Protein backbone atom coordinates (compact mmCIF):
# COMPACT_ATOMS: atom_id res chain seq x y z
CA MET A 1 0.00 0.00 0.00
CA THR A 2 1.13 3.55 -0.70
CA ASN A 3 1.37 6.11 2.10
CA LYS A 4 -1.71 7.83 0.67
CA GLU A 5 -3.72 4.58 0.73
CA ILE A 6 -2.64 3.86 4.32
CA LYS A 7 -3.74 7.33 5.46
CA ALA A 8 -7.07 6.93 3.65
CA LEU A 9 -7.59 3.56 5.37
CA ILE A 10 -6.87 5.05 8.82
CA SER A 11 -9.33 7.92 8.16
CA LEU A 12 -12.11 5.32 7.76
CA LEU A 13 -11.79 4.46 11.48
CA ASP A 14 -14.08 7.47 12.03
CA ASP A 15 -17.00 5.54 10.54
CA PRO A 16 -18.50 3.36 13.34
CA GLU A 17 -20.24 1.05 10.83
CA ILE A 18 -17.04 -0.14 9.15
CA ALA A 19 -14.52 0.61 11.95
CA PRO A 20 -14.23 -3.08 13.09
CA GLN A 21 -13.34 -4.27 9.57
CA ILE A 22 -10.88 -1.38 9.13
CA GLN A 23 -9.23 -2.25 12.45
CA ASP A 24 -8.75 -5.85 11.26
CA LYS A 25 -7.18 -4.62 8.02
CA ILE A 26 -4.83 -2.30 9.91
CA GLN A 27 -3.81 -5.07 12.34
CA ASN A 28 -2.95 -7.32 9.40
CA LEU A 29 -0.49 -4.70 8.14
CA GLY A 30 1.64 -5.16 11.27
CA GLU A 31 3.97 -2.82 13.16
CA SER A 32 5.12 -0.94 10.05
CA ILE A 33 1.86 1.03 10.11
CA ILE A 34 2.44 2.39 13.66
CA PRO A 35 4.12 5.68 12.53
CA PHE A 36 1.02 6.46 10.41
CA LEU A 37 -1.28 5.74 13.37
CA GLU A 38 0.85 7.98 15.60
CA GLU A 39 0.69 10.77 13.01
CA SER A 40 -3.08 10.41 12.80
CA TRP A 41 -3.30 10.53 16.63
CA GLU A 42 -1.45 13.87 16.61
CA GLU A 43 -3.73 15.30 13.91
CA THR A 44 -7.10 14.45 15.47
CA LEU A 45 -8.78 16.29 18.34
CA ASP A 46 -11.45 13.60 18.78
CA GLY A 47 -10.86 11.89 22.14
CA GLN A 48 -12.63 8.68 21.09
CA GLN A 49 -10.62 8.46 17.88
CA GLN A 50 -7.39 9.00 19.83
CA GLN A 51 -8.34 6.14 22.16
CA ARG A 52 -9.07 3.87 19.19
CA LEU A 53 -5.67 4.72 17.71
CA GLU A 54 -3.90 4.15 21.04
CA ASP A 55 -5.56 0.74 21.40
CA LEU A 56 -4.53 -0.21 17.85
CA ILE A 57 -0.93 0.90 18.40
CA HIS A 58 -0.72 -1.06 21.65
CA HIS A 59 -2.23 -4.15 20.02
CA LEU A 60 0.32 -4.05 17.18
CA GLN A 61 3.23 -3.47 19.57
CA PHE A 62 2.07 -6.29 21.84
CA GLU A 63 1.73 -8.70 18.90
CA GLY A 64 5.24 -7.78 17.76
CA LEU A 65 6.66 -8.26 21.25
CA GLN A 66 5.13 -11.75 21.48
CA GLN A 67 6.76 -12.71 18.18
CA ARG A 68 10.18 -11.35 19.24
CA LEU A 69 9.97 -13.17 22.57
CA LYS A 70 9.21 -16.45 20.75
CA VAL A 71 12.21 -15.91 18.46
CA TRP A 72 14.45 -15.16 21.48
CA ARG A 73 13.36 -18.34 23.21
CA GLU A 74 13.62 -20.54 20.10
CA ALA A 75 17.13 -19.19 19.42
CA GLY A 76 18.20 -20.58 22.80
CA ALA A 77 17.70 -17.51 25.02
CA THR A 78 21.46 -16.96 24.91
CA ASP A 79 21.46 -13.16 25.22
CA LEU A 80 20.18 -12.16 28.68
CA LEU A 81 20.36 -8.45 27.87
CA GLU A 82 18.11 -8.99 24.84
CA GLY A 83 15.57 -10.92 26.95
CA MET A 84 15.44 -8.15 29.57
CA TRP A 85 15.25 -5.49 26.84
CA LEU A 86 12.26 -7.28 25.30
CA LEU A 87 10.49 -7.22 28.68
CA ASN A 88 11.39 -3.51 28.90
CA THR A 89 9.65 -2.80 25.58
CA TYR A 90 6.30 -3.86 27.05
CA GLN A 91 6.20 -0.55 28.98
CA TYR A 92 8.64 1.39 26.80
CA PRO A 93 8.20 0.28 23.17
CA ASP A 94 10.91 2.70 21.99
CA ALA A 95 13.53 1.39 24.45
CA ASP A 96 16.90 1.24 22.70
CA TYR A 97 18.82 -2.04 23.00
CA GLN A 98 22.08 -0.36 22.01
CA ALA A 99 21.68 2.29 24.72
CA LEU A 100 21.32 -0.47 27.33
CA ASN A 101 24.30 -2.27 25.83
CA ARG A 102 26.44 0.91 26.04
CA ALA A 103 25.46 1.42 29.71
CA ILE A 104 26.53 -2.14 30.59
CA GLU A 105 29.72 -1.71 28.57
CA GLN A 106 30.59 1.49 30.46
CA LEU A 107 30.23 -0.33 33.79
CA ARG A 108 32.36 -3.19 32.45
CA PHE A 109 35.10 -0.80 31.35
CA GLU A 110 35.20 0.95 34.74
CA ALA A 111 35.45 -2.37 36.58
CA TRP A 112 38.02 -3.72 34.09
CA THR A 113 40.39 -0.79 34.74
CA ALA A 114 40.34 -1.61 38.48
CA LEU A 115 40.65 -5.40 38.24
CA ARG A 116 44.00 -7.21 38.25
CA PRO A 117 44.61 -10.72 36.82
CA GLU A 118 46.10 -12.08 40.07
CA MET A 119 43.17 -10.90 42.24
CA HIS A 120 41.47 -13.37 44.56
CA PRO A 121 37.75 -13.96 43.73
CA ALA A 122 36.68 -12.11 46.91
CA ASP A 123 38.73 -9.08 45.84
CA GLN A 124 37.27 -9.25 42.33
CA VAL A 125 33.79 -9.07 43.83
CA GLN A 126 34.77 -6.18 46.12
CA THR A 127 36.09 -4.29 43.09
CA LEU A 128 32.86 -4.83 41.17
CA ASN A 129 30.86 -3.90 44.29
CA TYR A 130 32.78 -0.63 44.52
CA VAL A 131 31.94 0.32 40.92
CA MET A 132 28.28 -0.71 41.19
CA PHE A 133 27.33 0.40 44.69
CA ARG A 134 29.82 3.13 45.61
CA THR A 135 30.70 4.85 42.33
CA HIS A 136 27.30 4.47 40.60
CA LYS A 137 25.23 4.11 43.79
CA PHE A 138 22.92 1.33 42.56
CA ALA A 139 20.61 0.45 45.45
CA ALA A 140 17.39 -1.26 46.49
CA ASN A 141 14.16 0.58 45.68
CA THR A 142 12.68 -0.03 49.12
CA GLN A 143 10.29 2.94 48.91
CA HIS A 144 8.53 1.64 45.79
CA PHE A 145 9.24 -2.08 45.91
CA HIS A 146 6.24 -3.05 43.75
CA SER A 147 6.70 -0.37 41.07
CA PRO A 148 6.73 -1.84 37.51
CA ALA A 149 9.78 0.40 36.88
CA ASN A 150 11.83 -1.95 39.09
CA SER A 151 11.50 -4.65 36.40
CA MET A 152 12.56 -2.31 33.57
CA LEU A 153 16.31 -2.40 32.98
CA GLN A 154 16.23 1.00 31.24
CA ARG A 155 14.59 2.65 34.27
CA VAL A 156 16.88 0.88 36.77
CA ILE A 157 19.97 2.09 34.90
CA GLU A 158 18.55 5.64 34.78
CA THR A 159 17.36 5.86 38.40
CA LYS A 160 19.96 3.51 39.98
CA ARG A 161 17.09 1.89 41.93
CA GLY A 162 15.74 -1.60 41.35
CA ASN A 163 14.50 -4.86 42.81
CA PRO A 164 16.74 -7.84 43.70
CA LEU A 165 16.44 -9.34 40.22
CA THR A 166 17.22 -6.28 38.08
CA LEU A 167 20.14 -5.24 40.29
CA CYS A 168 21.51 -8.78 39.97
CA VAL A 169 20.99 -8.78 36.19
CA ILE A 170 23.07 -5.62 35.74
CA TYR A 171 25.80 -7.01 38.00
CA LEU A 172 25.66 -10.37 36.20
CA LEU A 173 25.90 -8.84 32.72
CA VAL A 174 28.94 -6.79 33.78
CA ALA A 175 30.60 -9.78 35.52
CA GLN A 176 30.10 -12.06 32.53
CA ARG A 177 31.66 -9.51 30.17
CA LEU A 178 34.65 -9.49 32.52
CA LYS A 179 34.80 -13.30 32.13
CA LEU A 180 34.05 -13.78 35.85
CA PRO A 181 32.27 -17.08 36.70
CA VAL A 182 29.12 -15.41 38.04
CA PHE A 183 25.59 -16.84 37.60
CA GLY A 184 22.04 -16.19 38.77
CA VAL A 185 20.43 -18.22 41.58
CA ASN A 186 16.66 -18.58 41.94
CA LEU A 187 16.07 -18.36 45.69
CA PRO A 188 12.50 -18.07 46.99
CA ASN A 189 11.57 -14.39 47.62
CA LEU A 190 15.11 -13.25 46.78
CA PHE A 191 17.25 -13.41 43.66
CA VAL A 192 21.01 -13.63 44.27
CA LEU A 193 24.18 -14.46 42.34
CA THR A 194 26.76 -17.18 42.81
CA PHE A 195 30.49 -16.90 42.14
CA ARG A 196 31.99 -20.25 41.13
CA PRO A 197 35.78 -19.89 41.54
CA GLU A 198 37.84 -21.81 39.03
CA ILE A 199 40.63 -22.23 41.61
CA LYS A 200 40.95 -25.86 42.73
CA GLY A 201 39.36 -26.44 46.13
CA ALA A 202 37.78 -22.96 46.31
CA GLU A 203 34.17 -22.98 47.53
CA PRO A 204 31.40 -21.21 45.62
CA PHE A 205 29.93 -18.19 47.39
CA TYR A 206 26.90 -15.97 46.87
CA ILE A 207 26.33 -12.24 46.25
CA ASN A 208 23.25 -10.33 47.43
CA CYS A 209 22.96 -7.28 45.14
CA TYR A 210 19.88 -6.07 47.03
CA ASN A 211 22.22 -5.50 49.98
CA ARG A 212 25.06 -3.75 48.09
CA GLY A 213 26.83 -6.93 47.04
CA LEU A 214 26.96 -8.59 50.45
CA VAL A 215 28.90 -11.87 50.18
CA LEU A 216 27.12 -14.96 51.58
CA SER A 217 28.25 -18.53 52.20
CA ARG A 218 26.28 -21.68 51.45
CA THR A 219 25.55 -21.86 55.21
CA ASP A 220 23.99 -18.37 55.01
CA ILE A 221 21.74 -19.55 52.17
CA GLU A 222 20.78 -22.70 54.11
CA HIS A 223 19.91 -20.51 57.12
CA TYR A 224 17.81 -18.20 54.92
CA VAL A 225 15.87 -21.14 53.43
CA SER A 226 15.28 -22.70 56.87
CA GLN A 227 13.79 -19.39 58.11
CA LEU A 228 11.21 -19.56 55.32
CA ASN A 229 10.00 -22.94 56.62
CA ILE A 230 10.23 -24.58 53.22
CA SER A 231 11.98 -27.75 52.11
CA SER A 232 15.47 -27.32 50.77
CA ASN A 233 15.92 -27.71 47.04
CA PRO A 234 19.17 -28.08 45.02
CA MET A 235 18.02 -25.23 42.73
CA PHE A 236 18.40 -22.82 45.67
CA TYR A 237 22.18 -23.23 45.43
CA GLU A 238 22.80 -23.84 41.72
CA PRO A 239 23.04 -21.49 38.71
CA CYS A 240 19.82 -20.87 36.79
CA SER A 241 19.35 -20.14 33.08
CA ASN A 242 18.68 -16.88 31.23
CA LEU A 243 15.20 -18.23 30.56
CA ASP A 244 14.64 -18.67 34.32
CA ILE A 245 15.76 -15.08 34.93
CA VAL A 246 13.45 -13.50 32.33
CA ARG A 247 10.55 -15.68 33.50
CA ARG A 248 11.10 -14.44 37.05
CA ALA A 249 11.32 -10.83 35.83
CA LEU A 250 7.94 -11.28 34.07
CA ARG A 251 6.41 -12.78 37.22
CA ASN A 252 7.67 -9.76 39.20
CA LEU A 253 6.12 -7.42 36.62
CA GLN A 254 2.83 -9.31 36.68
CA MET A 255 2.73 -9.01 40.48
CA SER A 256 3.47 -5.27 40.26
CA PHE A 257 0.46 -4.71 38.01
CA GLU A 258 -1.73 -6.84 40.27
CA LYS A 259 -0.68 -4.74 43.29
CA LEU A 260 -1.48 -1.57 41.32
CA GLN A 261 -4.95 -2.92 40.41
CA GLU A 262 -4.15 -3.06 36.69
CA PRO A 263 -5.62 -6.47 35.73
CA MET A 264 -5.45 -5.86 31.95
CA LYS A 265 -1.69 -5.30 32.06
CA ALA A 266 -1.20 -8.20 34.47
CA ALA A 267 -3.11 -10.45 32.03
CA GLU A 268 -0.94 -9.33 29.10
CA VAL A 269 2.25 -10.03 31.05
CA ALA A 270 0.83 -13.49 31.83
CA VAL A 271 0.54 -14.04 28.04
CA LEU A 272 4.23 -13.11 27.64
CA LEU A 273 5.13 -15.45 30.48
CA SER A 274 3.24 -18.33 28.85
CA ILE A 275 5.50 -17.96 25.76
CA LEU A 276 8.51 -18.75 27.95
CA GLU A 277 6.95 -21.52 30.07
């Protein structure tokens, strides 16, 4: 279709008798039509028409996000940053993957300049902690724990406030680019990281990014689990996958919308989650 034909098609949304058929036609054209819908939104003063256009834009963006999430999963879910960026685009469709990538790369560079090859794993973690929690002042968002923004990597990087999972994800992405053996761990009610030293005989330890990179032992984790009165499970001590991390991020986001009494958004996030289950 030419630009003129697309604009003519969008103008027919004004007619209530044929609007449903026009909406179907527009939806079949996919995300490429969104700029035309946005232009039409800016040109109309009709509140109802603006709402119709907003709903159409959201529908197209949501359909596109579902497809991209399927592709990410089917490709092996190898890029954690991409998975978290896709989640981010649910709230911020224009979120820039490369901007997120540059932010992580900047943190990596700062940590790299301070690290030394002969450093002990504990000192490597302290160095990374200094960059993350002292220089850049990343911290727990305790005031707004259930805010959807806590699940959005873009917002966490901008505000330096996040939930246990997003703070861990940033730390994990930086550590992995530094070739440090750091992985996510799916604890109940708390997401942490584990450092698996490659030195013979060295014990793995854990990092709590929600408490400024506090280092924990396996005994600390066992004590934490026992306080929750739940049965111990090997997964509480072992690395989890990128897929596990993005699933958990989506569950956090779903819970945020439920707490904010936004059932429509919570239901949409549940659809995204079902793609990864």
